[in-house]
Amino acid sequence: MRIRQIALVAADLEATLETITDVLGIDVAFRDPGVGVFGLANGVMPIGDTFLEVVSPVRDDASAARYLERRGGDGGYMVIFQTSALAAERTRLAGLGVRIVWEIAFPDIETAHIHPRDTGGAIVSLDEARPYDEWRWAGPSWRQHRRTDRVTAIRGVEIQSHAPQALAERWTQLFSLRPGRDASTRALDDGGEIRFVDASDGRGEGIRSVTLATADRDAVATAALRRGLAVEGDLTPQRHSSDGEVAVTLCGVRFVLG
């Protein structure tokens, strides 16, 4: 099990995509017409062989519109796990009483969206790609749009909750997560991790941070500062190292530059 894609939700899709691509130095590879079934428009951006997606509601009755209202604006929306054994995962989850709210299968990929009330924390999808290194949701030419001068991979996600330990235990049970480096983290098969923290910003449960493997933090910081965005931590364009955490907020989510 690994994180293959993180989805964010934004009220203004084009402005958000423009900001993210400028700051992180990545490209939009695909706009999936299939998300129209959910009342959405989107853009998907490769970061190495992982993907960052931004969705935006185009109908007032879209669940994403309600999500924007409930969480008070732009933010994290969905965690998409990649598995190599979706059928077995579905059987195990059914035994735990977990409901599938949407599913679709193609020759090259199969997906199952889990009922958010059965997971807590974030909307979750389990996806099996065939072959394993392909990814239909990023379009047929995503490799041509990879830009890794600044960021190279999604390495983890931080989920906030009013009961983070209980949520950690629930996700551990549902997704067969392994113990992480401390009590608040769980490890993934590719070395990535999920961290569960207390919700202290008034926005309730949801994705708080995404950790990126970074090739050039200075370039990210320079682009963020140029756009008037705050850069957390000691790193500035004049300082080329930092002992602490460095992060920039995009689409209501902290991007931690690893």
Foldseek 3Di string as FASTA:
>chain_A
DAFQEWEKEAADAVVQQVLVCLLQVFDFQDWDPVCVVQQWTKTWTDQALGIYMYIYHNDCPHVSVVLCVLLVGIDTAETEAEDQCVVVLVVLVVVVVWDFDDWDDDPFKTKTWTDCVQQPQHTYMYMYGVVRSDDPVSPDPNVVRHDAQWFHDFQEWEKEAQCQLVNVVSCCSSVVWDDDPDSQWTADPVRGIYGYYYDDPPRHIYIAAIETETNAVASSQVSCVVVVWDWDADDYVVDRDGPDWIWTDRRNHTYTYD
